[in-house]
Amino acid sequence: MDILRTRGSVSMPGRGEIEVTLDLYDPPLTDDVLPRGWTATITEGPPLAVGERGLLYLDAQRAAIANPFVVVTSTAGISRIQGVTEA
């Protein structure tokens, strides 16, 4: 399992865009778009509620690429997000 420590931002309805640092699990090596089902852990960022949906923009990707996600766990300031097909 490849883990990439990276920076990016999450865009959440009603919250705007928030910069985050995250551990991205199994990132694609050649594609610009993350595969459906990717996961990431946000350890530095705002508290997120389970079930919230948003868009992840990675600094390493082109700015126009949005990666839809849903929050699957959130405790003590650490949130785990998972890729979905639609935000």
PDB file of N, CA and C in Angstrom:
ATOM      1  N   MET A   1       0.842  -1.176   0.000  1.00  0.00           N
ATOM      2  CA  MET A   1       0.000   0.000   0.000  1.00  0.00           C
ATOM      3  C   MET A   1       0.892   1.246   0.000  1.00  0.00           C
ATOM      4  N   ASP A   2       0.738   2.067  -1.004  1.00  0.00           N
ATOM      5  CA  ASP A   2       1.486   3.316  -1.072  1.00  0.00           C
ATOM      6  C   ASP A   2       0.759   4.395  -0.282  1.00  0.00           C
ATOM      7  N   ILE A   3       1.508   5.181   0.486  1.00  0.00           N
ATOM      8  CA  ILE A   3       0.936   6.301   1.230  1.00  0.00           C
ATOM      9  C   ILE A   3       1.701   7.551   0.840  1.00  0.00           C
ATOM     10  N   LEU A   4       0.985   8.573   0.435  1.00  0.00           N
ATOM     11  CA  LEU A   4       1.589   9.836   0.025  1.00  0.00           C
ATOM     12  C   LEU A   4       1.155  10.929   0.991  1.00  0.00           C
ATOM     13  N   ARG A   5       2.123  11.527   1.677  1.00  0.00           N
ATOM     14  CA  ARG A   5       1.821  12.673   2.552  1.00  0.00           C
ATOM     15  C   ARG A   5       1.819  13.897   1.650  1.00  0.00           C
ATOM     16  N   THR A   6       0.704  14.595   1.594  1.00  0.00           N
ATOM     17  CA  THR A   6       0.573  15.679   0.629  1.00  0.00           C
ATOM     18  C   THR A   6      -0.265  16.820   1.184  1.00  0.00           C
ATOM     19  N   ARG A   7      -0.312  17.899   0.430  1.00  0.00           N
ATOM     20  CA  ARG A   7      -1.125  19.067   0.786  1.00  0.00           C
ATOM     21  C   ARG A   7      -2.201  19.228  -0.268  1.00  0.00           C
ATOM     22  N   GLY A   8      -3.262  19.849   0.131  1.00  0.00           N
ATOM     23  CA  GLY A   8      -4.353  20.122  -0.789  1.00  0.00           C
ATOM     24  C   GLY A   8      -5.394  20.970  -0.104  1.00  0.00           C
ATOM     25  N   SER A   9      -6.582  20.947  -0.629  1.00  0.00           N
ATOM     26  CA  SER A   9      -7.687  21.656   0.002  1.00  0.00           C
ATOM     27  C   SER A   9      -8.961  20.865  -0.199  1.00  0.00           C
ATOM     28  N   VAL A  10      -9.871  21.023   0.757  1.00  0.00           N
ATOM     29  CA  VAL A  10     -11.183  20.413   0.631  1.00  0.00           C
ATOM     30  C   VAL A  10     -12.205  21.526   0.487  1.00  0.00           C
ATOM     31  N   SER A  11     -13.158  21.298  -0.387  1.00  0.00           N
ATOM     32  CA  SER A  11     -14.251  22.236  -0.597  1.00  0.00           C
ATOM     33  C   SER A  11     -15.514  21.570  -0.071  1.00  0.00           C
ATOM     34  N   MET A  12     -16.122  22.222   0.941  1.00  0.00           N
ATOM     35  CA  MET A  12     -17.299  21.650   1.590  1.00  0.00           C
ATOM     36  C   MET A  12     -18.469  22.615   1.446  1.00  0.00           C
ATOM     37  N   PRO A  13     -19.657  22.107   1.124  1.00  0.00           N
ATOM     38  CA  PRO A  13     -20.828  22.982   1.030  1.00  0.00           C
ATOM     39  C   PRO A  13     -21.047  23.749   2.337  1.00  0.00           C
ATOM     40  N   GLY A  14     -21.184  25.056   2.231  1.00  0.00           N
ATOM     41  CA  GLY A  14     -21.405  25.899   3.395  1.00  0.00           C
ATOM     42  C   GLY A  14     -20.156  26.275   4.166  1.00  0.00           C
ATOM     43  N   ARG A  15     -19.002  25.705   3.816  1.00  0.00           N
ATOM     44  CA  ARG A  15     -17.744  25.999   4.523  1.00  0.00           C
ATOM     45  C   ARG A  15     -16.690  26.632   3.629  1.00  0.00           C
ATOM     46  N   GLY A  16     -16.884  26.554   2.330  1.00  0.00           N
ATOM     47  CA  GLY A  16     -15.875  27.080   1.422  1.00  0.00           C
ATOM     48  C   GLY A  16     -14.722  26.108   1.272  1.00  0.00           C
ATOM     49  N   GLU A  17     -13.564  26.645   0.927  1.00  0.00           N
ATOM     50  CA  GLU A  17     -12.379  25.822   0.688  1.00  0.00           C
ATOM     51  C   GLU A  17     -11.427  25.938   1.869  1.00  0.00           C
ATOM     52  N   ILE A  18     -10.925  24.791   2.342  1.00  0.00           N
ATOM     53  CA  ILE A  18     -10.064  24.749   3.522  1.00  0.00           C
ATOM     54  C   ILE A  18      -8.798  23.983   3.170  1.00  0.00           C
ATOM     55  N   GLU A  19      -7.631  24.560   3.444  1.00  0.00           N
ATOM     56  CA  GLU A  19      -6.364  23.870   3.179  1.00  0.00           C
ATOM     57  C   GLU A  19      -6.144  22.772   4.206  1.00  0.00           C
ATOM     58  N   VAL A  20      -5.626  21.631   3.742  1.00  0.00           N
ATOM     59  CA  VAL A  20      -5.400  20.484   4.618  1.00  0.00           C
ATOM     60  C   VAL A  20      -4.085  19.789   4.263  1.00  0.00           C
ATOM     61  N   THR A  21      -3.563  19.060   5.246  1.00  0.00           N
ATOM     62  CA  THR A  21      -2.460  18.123   5.031  1.00  0.00           C
ATOM     63  C   THR A  21      -3.052  16.743   5.220  1.00  0.00           C
ATOM     64  N   LEU A  22      -2.730  15.802   4.334  1.00  0.00           N
ATOM     65  CA  LEU A  22      -3.345  14.490   4.449  1.00  0.00           C
ATOM     66  C   LEU A  22      -2.403  13.379   4.038  1.00  0.00           C
ATOM     67  N   ASP A  23      -2.723  12.186   4.534  1.00  0.00           N
ATOM     68  CA  ASP A  23      -2.059  10.957   4.107  1.00  0.00           C
ATOM     69  C   ASP A  23      -3.003  10.309   3.107  1.00  0.00           C
ATOM     70  N   LEU A  24      -2.559  10.178   1.866  1.00  0.00           N
ATOM     71  CA  LEU A  24      -3.373   9.639   0.782  1.00  0.00           C
ATOM     72  C   LEU A  24      -2.948   8.196   0.526  1.00  0.00           C
ATOM     73  N   TYR A  25      -3.897   7.280   0.629  1.00  0.00           N
ATOM     74  CA  TYR A  25      -3.607   5.858   0.478  1.00  0.00           C
ATOM     75  C   TYR A  25      -3.850   5.405  -0.952  1.00  0.00           C
ATOM     76  N   ASP A  26      -2.878   4.686  -1.500  1.00  0.00           N
ATOM     77  CA  ASP A  26      -2.934   4.145  -2.848  1.00  0.00           C
ATOM     78  C   ASP A  26      -3.226   5.198  -3.914  1.00  0.00           C
ATOM     79  N   PRO A  27      -2.434   6.277  -3.960  1.00  0.00           N
ATOM     80  CA  PRO A  27      -2.648   7.277  -5.008  1.00  0.00           C
ATOM     81  C   PRO A  27      -2.278   6.704  -6.372  1.00  0.00           C
ATOM     82  N   PRO A  28      -2.896   7.215  -7.428  1.00  0.00           N
ATOM     83  CA  PRO A  28      -2.528   6.740  -8.765  1.00  0.00           C
ATOM     84  C   PRO A  28      -1.122   7.212  -9.115  1.00  0.00           C
ATOM     85  N   LEU A  29      -0.412   6.423  -9.881  1.00  0.00           N
ATOM     86  CA  LEU A  29       0.954   6.789 -10.239  1.00  0.00           C
ATOM     87  C   LEU A  29       1.023   7.536 -11.567  1.00  0.00           C
ATOM     88  N   THR A  30       0.062   7.300 -12.464  1.00  0.00           N
ATOM     89  CA  THR A  30       0.132   7.936 -13.773  1.00  0.00           C
ATOM     90  C   THR A  30      -1.105   8.753 -14.130  1.00  0.00           C
ATOM     91  N   ASP A  31      -2.242   8.473 -13.544  1.00  0.00           N
ATOM     92  CA  ASP A  31      -3.476   9.185 -13.890  1.00  0.00           C
ATOM     93  C   ASP A  31      -3.590  10.494 -13.111  1.00  0.00           C
ATOM     94  N   ASP A  32      -4.301  11.462 -13.685  1.00  0.00           N
ATOM     95  CA  ASP A  32      -4.539  12.719 -12.987  1.00  0.00           C
ATOM     96  C   ASP A  32      -5.683  12.611 -11.985  1.00  0.00           C
ATOM     97  N   VAL A  33      -6.603  11.697 -12.247  1.00  0.00           N
ATOM     98  CA  VAL A  33      -7.795  11.577 -11.405  1.00  0.00           C
ATOM     99  C   VAL A  33      -7.640  10.379 -10.474  1.00  0.00           C
ATOM    100  N   LEU A  34      -7.966  10.577  -9.205  1.00  0.00           N
ATOM    101  CA  LEU A  34      -7.879   9.473  -8.256  1.00  0.00           C
ATOM    102  C   LEU A  34      -8.935   8.421  -8.571  1.00  0.00           C
ATOM    103  N   PRO A  35      -8.617   7.150  -8.364  1.00  0.00           N
ATOM    104  CA  PRO A  35      -9.600   6.104  -8.618  1.00  0.00           C
ATOM    105  C   PRO A  35     -10.725   6.139  -7.588  1.00  0.00           C
ATOM    106  N   ARG A  36     -11.898   5.653  -7.977  1.00  0.00           N
ATOM    107  CA  ARG A  36     -13.014   5.572  -7.039  1.00  0.00           C
ATOM    108  C   ARG A  36     -12.612   4.644  -5.900  1.00  0.00           C
ATOM    109  N   GLY A  37     -12.919   5.022  -4.689  1.00  0.00           N
ATOM    110  CA  GLY A  37     -12.601   4.185  -3.543  1.00  0.00           C
ATOM    111  C   GLY A  37     -11.293   4.523  -2.849  1.00  0.00           C
ATOM    112  N   TRP A  38     -10.559   5.553  -3.314  1.00  0.00           N
ATOM    113  CA  TRP A  38      -9.341   5.948  -2.611  1.00  0.00           C
ATOM    114  C   TRP A  38      -9.711   6.401  -1.193  1.00  0.00           C
ATOM    115  N   THR A  39      -8.737   6.402  -0.299  1.00  0.00           N
ATOM    116  CA  THR A  39      -8.969   6.897   1.059  1.00  0.00           C
ATOM    117  C   THR A  39      -7.850   7.847   1.449  1.00  0.00           C
ATOM    118  N   ALA A  40      -8.140   8.702   2.397  1.00  0.00           N
ATOM    119  CA  ALA A  40      -7.144   9.633   2.920  1.00  0.00           C
ATOM    120  C   ALA A  40      -7.488   9.945   4.365  1.00  0.00           C
ATOM    121  N   THR A  41      -6.464  10.245   5.144  1.00  0.00           N
ATOM    122  CA  THR A  41      -6.642  10.660   6.531  1.00  0.00           C
ATOM    123  C   THR A  41      -6.176  12.098   6.657  1.00  0.00           C
ATOM    124  N   ILE A  42      -7.050  12.951   7.159  1.00  0.00           N
ATOM    125  CA  ILE A  42      -6.716  14.364   7.388  1.00  0.00           C
ATOM    126  C   ILE A  42      -6.414  14.514   8.874  1.00  0.00           C
ATOM    127  N   THR A  43      -5.173  14.840   9.185  1.00  0.00           N
ATOM    128  CA  THR A  43      -4.778  14.976  10.589  1.00  0.00           C
ATOM    129  C   THR A  43      -4.646  16.428  11.006  1.00  0.00           C
ATOM    130  N   GLU A  44      -4.594  17.316  10.058  1.00  0.00           N
ATOM    131  CA  GLU A  44      -4.512  18.746  10.353  1.00  0.00           C
ATOM    132  C   GLU A  44      -5.580  19.443   9.539  1.00  0.00           C
ATOM    133  N   GLY A  45      -6.634  19.848  10.184  1.00  0.00           N
ATOM    134  CA  GLY A  45      -7.718  20.496   9.466  1.00  0.00           C
ATOM    135  C   GLY A  45      -8.931  20.637  10.357  1.00  0.00           C
ATOM    136  N   PRO A  46     -10.018  21.061   9.793  1.00  0.00           N
ATOM    137  CA  PRO A  46     -11.230  21.299  10.573  1.00  0.00           C
ATOM    138  C   PRO A  46     -11.910  19.980  10.951  1.00  0.00           C
ATOM    139  N   PRO A  47     -12.709  19.985  12.019  1.00  0.00           N
ATOM    140  CA  PRO A  47     -13.485  18.779  12.319  1.00  0.00           C
ATOM    141  C   PRO A  47     -14.546  18.581  11.234  1.00  0.00           C
ATOM    142  N   LEU A  48     -14.661  17.376  10.748  1.00  0.00           N
ATOM    143  CA  LEU A  48     -15.640  17.046   9.720  1.00  0.00           C
ATOM    144  C   LEU A  48     -16.635  16.041  10.280  1.00  0.00           C
ATOM    145  N   ALA A  49     -17.866  16.103   9.835  1.00  0.00           N
ATOM    146  CA  ALA A  49     -18.905  15.195  10.311  1.00  0.00           C
ATOM    147  C   ALA A  49     -19.018  13.983   9.384  1.00  0.00           C
ATOM    148  N   VAL A  50     -19.219  12.825   9.974  1.00  0.00           N
ATOM    149  CA  VAL A  50     -19.411  11.605   9.197  1.00  0.00           C
ATOM    150  C   VAL A  50     -20.607  11.807   8.263  1.00  0.00           C
ATOM    151  N   GLY A  51     -20.425  11.429   7.006  1.00  0.00           N
ATOM    152  CA  GLY A  51     -21.480  11.563   6.011  1.00  0.00           C
ATOM    153  C   GLY A  51     -21.392  12.841   5.194  1.00  0.00           C
ATOM    154  N   GLU A  52     -20.608  13.836   5.665  1.00  0.00           N
ATOM    155  CA  GLU A  52     -20.427  15.059   4.876  1.00  0.00           C
ATOM    156  C   GLU A  52     -19.741  14.715   3.568  1.00  0.00           C
ATOM    157  N   ARG A  53     -20.114  15.433   2.521  1.00  0.00           N
ATOM    158  CA  ARG A  53     -19.499  15.233   1.207  1.00  0.00           C
ATOM    159  C   ARG A  53     -18.801  16.513   0.774  1.00  0.00           C
ATOM    160  N   GLY A  54     -17.795  16.347  -0.050  1.00  0.00           N
ATOM    161  CA  GLY A  54     -17.072  17.509  -0.552  1.00  0.00           C
ATOM    162  C   GLY A  54     -16.184  17.125  -1.714  1.00  0.00           C
ATOM    163  N   LEU A  55     -15.284  18.037  -2.049  1.00  0.00           N
ATOM    164  CA  LEU A  55     -14.340  17.825  -3.139  1.00  0.00           C
ATOM    165  C   LEU A  55     -12.930  18.028  -2.607  1.00  0.00           C
ATOM    166  N   LEU A  56     -12.024  17.141  -2.999  1.00  0.00           N
ATOM    167  CA  LEU A  56     -10.615  17.246  -2.631  1.00  0.00           C
ATOM    168  C   LEU A  56      -9.833  17.720  -3.847  1.00  0.00           C
ATOM    169  N   TYR A  57      -9.043  18.772  -3.655  1.00  0.00           N
ATOM    170  CA  TYR A  57      -8.137  19.268  -4.690  1.00  0.00           C
ATOM    171  C   TYR A  57      -6.719  19.106  -4.160  1.00  0.00           C
ATOM    172  N   LEU A  58      -5.900  18.313  -4.846  1.00  0.00           N
ATOM    173  CA  LEU A  58      -4.522  18.105  -4.408  1.00  0.00           C
ATOM    174  C   LEU A  58      -3.601  19.126  -5.058  1.00  0.00           C
ATOM    175  N   ASP A  59      -2.640  19.629  -4.282  1.00  0.00           N
ATOM    176  CA  ASP A  59      -1.664  20.573  -4.837  1.00  0.00           C
ATOM    177  C   ASP A  59      -0.889  19.965  -6.002  1.00  0.00           C
ATOM    178  N   ALA A  60      -0.695  18.638  -5.978  1.00  0.00           N
ATOM    179  CA  ALA A  60       0.093  17.967  -7.015  1.00  0.00           C
ATOM    180  C   ALA A  60      -0.696  17.754  -8.318  1.00  0.00           C
ATOM    181  N   GLN A  61      -1.991  18.000  -8.299  1.00  0.00           N
ATOM    182  CA  GLN A  61      -2.813  17.837  -9.494  1.00  0.00           C
ATOM    183  C   GLN A  61      -3.101  19.193 -10.118  1.00  0.00           C
ATOM    184  N   ARG A  62      -3.601  19.160 -11.349  1.00  0.00           N
ATOM    185  CA  ARG A  62      -4.065  20.398 -11.963  1.00  0.00           C
ATOM    186  C   ARG A  62      -5.208  20.958 -11.125  1.00  0.00           C
ATOM    187  N   ALA A  63      -5.283  22.257 -11.003  1.00  0.00           N
ATOM    188  CA  ALA A  63      -6.269  22.905 -10.132  1.00  0.00           C
ATOM    189  C   ALA A  63      -7.713  22.578 -10.508  1.00  0.00           C
ATOM    190  N   ALA A  64      -7.975  22.238 -11.755  1.00  0.00           N
ATOM    191  CA  ALA A  64      -9.345  21.979 -12.199  1.00  0.00           C
ATOM    192  C   ALA A  64      -9.845  20.590 -11.822  1.00  0.00           C
ATOM    193  N   ILE A  65      -8.971  19.718 -11.326  1.00  0.00           N
ATOM    194  CA  ILE A  65      -9.378  18.343 -11.029  1.00  0.00           C
ATOM    195  C   ILE A  65      -9.967  18.264  -9.623  1.00  0.00           C
ATOM    196  N   ALA A  66     -11.226  17.831  -9.557  1.00  0.00           N
ATOM    197  CA  ALA A  66     -11.914  17.667  -8.279  1.00  0.00           C
ATOM    198  C   ALA A  66     -12.095  16.178  -8.010  1.00  0.00           C
ATOM    199  N   ASN A  67     -11.801  15.757  -6.801  1.00  0.00           N
ATOM    200  CA  ASN A  67     -11.942  14.371  -6.387  1.00  0.00           C
ATOM    201  C   ASN A  67     -13.057  14.301  -5.341  1.00  0.00           C
ATOM    202  N   PRO A  68     -14.276  13.879  -5.709  1.00  0.00           N
ATOM    203  CA  PRO A  68     -15.384  13.822  -4.759  1.00  0.00           C
ATOM    204  C   PRO A  68     -15.099  12.831  -3.634  1.00  0.00           C
ATOM    205  N   PHE A  69     -15.574  13.163  -2.418  1.00  0.00           N
ATOM    206  CA  PHE A  69     -15.366  12.270  -1.280  1.00  0.00           C
ATOM    207  C   PHE A  69     -16.532  12.358  -0.303  1.00  0.00           C
ATOM    208  N   VAL A  70     -16.558  11.393   0.618  1.00  0.00           N
ATOM    209  CA  VAL A  70     -17.467  11.390   1.752  1.00  0.00           C
ATOM    210  C   VAL A  70     -16.629  11.122   2.999  1.00  0.00           C
ATOM    211  N   VAL A  71     -16.989  11.739   4.121  1.00  0.00           N
ATOM    212  CA  VAL A  71     -16.287  11.519   5.387  1.00  0.00           C
ATOM    213  C   VAL A  71     -16.811  10.209   5.983  1.00  0.00           C
ATOM    214  N   VAL A  72     -15.896   9.246   6.242  1.00  0.00           N
ATOM    215  CA  VAL A  72     -16.328   7.947   6.761  1.00  0.00           C
ATOM    216  C   VAL A  72     -16.098   7.795   8.260  1.00  0.00           C
ATOM    217  N   THR A  73     -15.094   8.472   8.816  1.00  0.00           N
ATOM    218  CA  THR A  73     -14.900   8.502  10.267  1.00  0.00           C
ATOM    219  C   THR A  73     -14.352   9.862  10.659  1.00  0.00           C
ATOM    220  N   SER A  74     -14.643  10.274  11.883  1.00  0.00           N
ATOM    221  CA  SER A  74     -14.130  11.550  12.375  1.00  0.00           C
ATOM    222  C   SER A  74     -14.110  11.526  13.893  1.00  0.00           C
ATOM    223  N   THR A  75     -12.882  11.561  14.471  1.00  0.00           N
ATOM    224  CA  THR A  75     -12.729  11.578  15.919  1.00  0.00           C
ATOM    225  C   THR A  75     -11.523  12.417  16.297  1.00  0.00           C
ATOM    226  N   ALA A  76     -11.639  13.189  17.334  1.00  0.00           N
ATOM    227  CA  ALA A  76     -10.523  13.944  17.922  1.00  0.00           C
ATOM    228  C   ALA A  76      -9.690  14.691  16.879  1.00  0.00           C
ATOM    229  N   GLY A  77     -10.325  15.345  15.929  1.00  0.00           N
ATOM    230  CA  GLY A  77      -9.615  16.147  14.946  1.00  0.00           C
ATOM    231  C   GLY A  77      -8.986  15.372  13.809  1.00  0.00           C
ATOM    232  N   ILE A  78      -9.216  14.057  13.745  1.00  0.00           N
ATOM    233  CA  ILE A  78      -8.700  13.246  12.649  1.00  0.00           C
ATOM    234  C   ILE A  78      -9.886  12.719  11.852  1.00  0.00           C
ATOM    235  N   SER A  79      -9.890  13.010  10.563  1.00  0.00           N
ATOM    236  CA  SER A  79     -10.992  12.571   9.709  1.00  0.00           C
ATOM    237  C   SER A  79     -10.465  11.655   8.619  1.00  0.00           C
ATOM    238  N   ARG A  80     -11.234  10.643   8.304  1.00  0.00           N
ATOM    239  CA  ARG A  80     -10.894   9.734   7.199  1.00  0.00           C
ATOM    240  C   ARG A  80     -11.940   9.950   6.114  1.00  0.00           C
ATOM    241  N   ILE A  81     -11.452  10.203   4.890  1.00  0.00           N
ATOM    242  CA  ILE A  81     -12.354  10.438   3.771  1.00  0.00           C
ATOM    243  C   ILE A  81     -12.143   9.348   2.723  1.00  0.00           C
ATOM    244  N   GLN A  82     -13.198   9.114   1.930  1.00  0.00           N
ATOM    245  CA  GLN A  82     -13.140   8.072   0.913  1.00  0.00           C
ATOM    246  C   GLN A  82     -13.708   8.602  -0.381  1.00  0.00           C
ATOM    247  N   GLY A  83     -13.063   8.275  -1.499  1.00  0.00           N
ATOM    248  CA  GLY A  83     -13.519   8.715  -2.804  1.00  0.00           C
ATOM    249  C   GLY A  83     -14.855   8.107  -3.184  1.00  0.00           C
ATOM    250  N   VAL A  84     -15.668   8.908  -3.851  1.00  0.00           N
ATOM    251  CA  VAL A  84     -16.965   8.459  -4.360  1.00  0.00           C
ATOM    252  C   VAL A  84     -17.099   8.948  -5.798  1.00  0.00           C
ATOM    253  N   THR A  85     -18.141   8.507  -6.488  1.00  0.00           N
ATOM    254  CA  THR A  85     -18.295   8.914  -7.863  1.00  0.00           C
ATOM    255  C   THR A  85     -18.881  10.312  -8.006  1.00  0.00           C
ATOM    256  N   GLU A  86     -19.688  10.773  -7.039  1.00  0.00           N
ATOM    257  CA  GLU A  86     -20.270  12.116  -7.109  1.00  0.00           C
ATOM    258  C   GLU A  86     -20.220  12.779  -5.754  1.00  0.00           C
ATOM    259  N   ALA A  87     -20.053  14.112  -5.744  1.00  0.00           N
ATOM    260  CA  ALA A  87     -19.979  14.843  -4.462  1.00  0.00           C
ATOM    261  C   ALA A  87     -21.346  15.025  -3.848  1.00  0.00           C
TER     262      ALA A  87
END
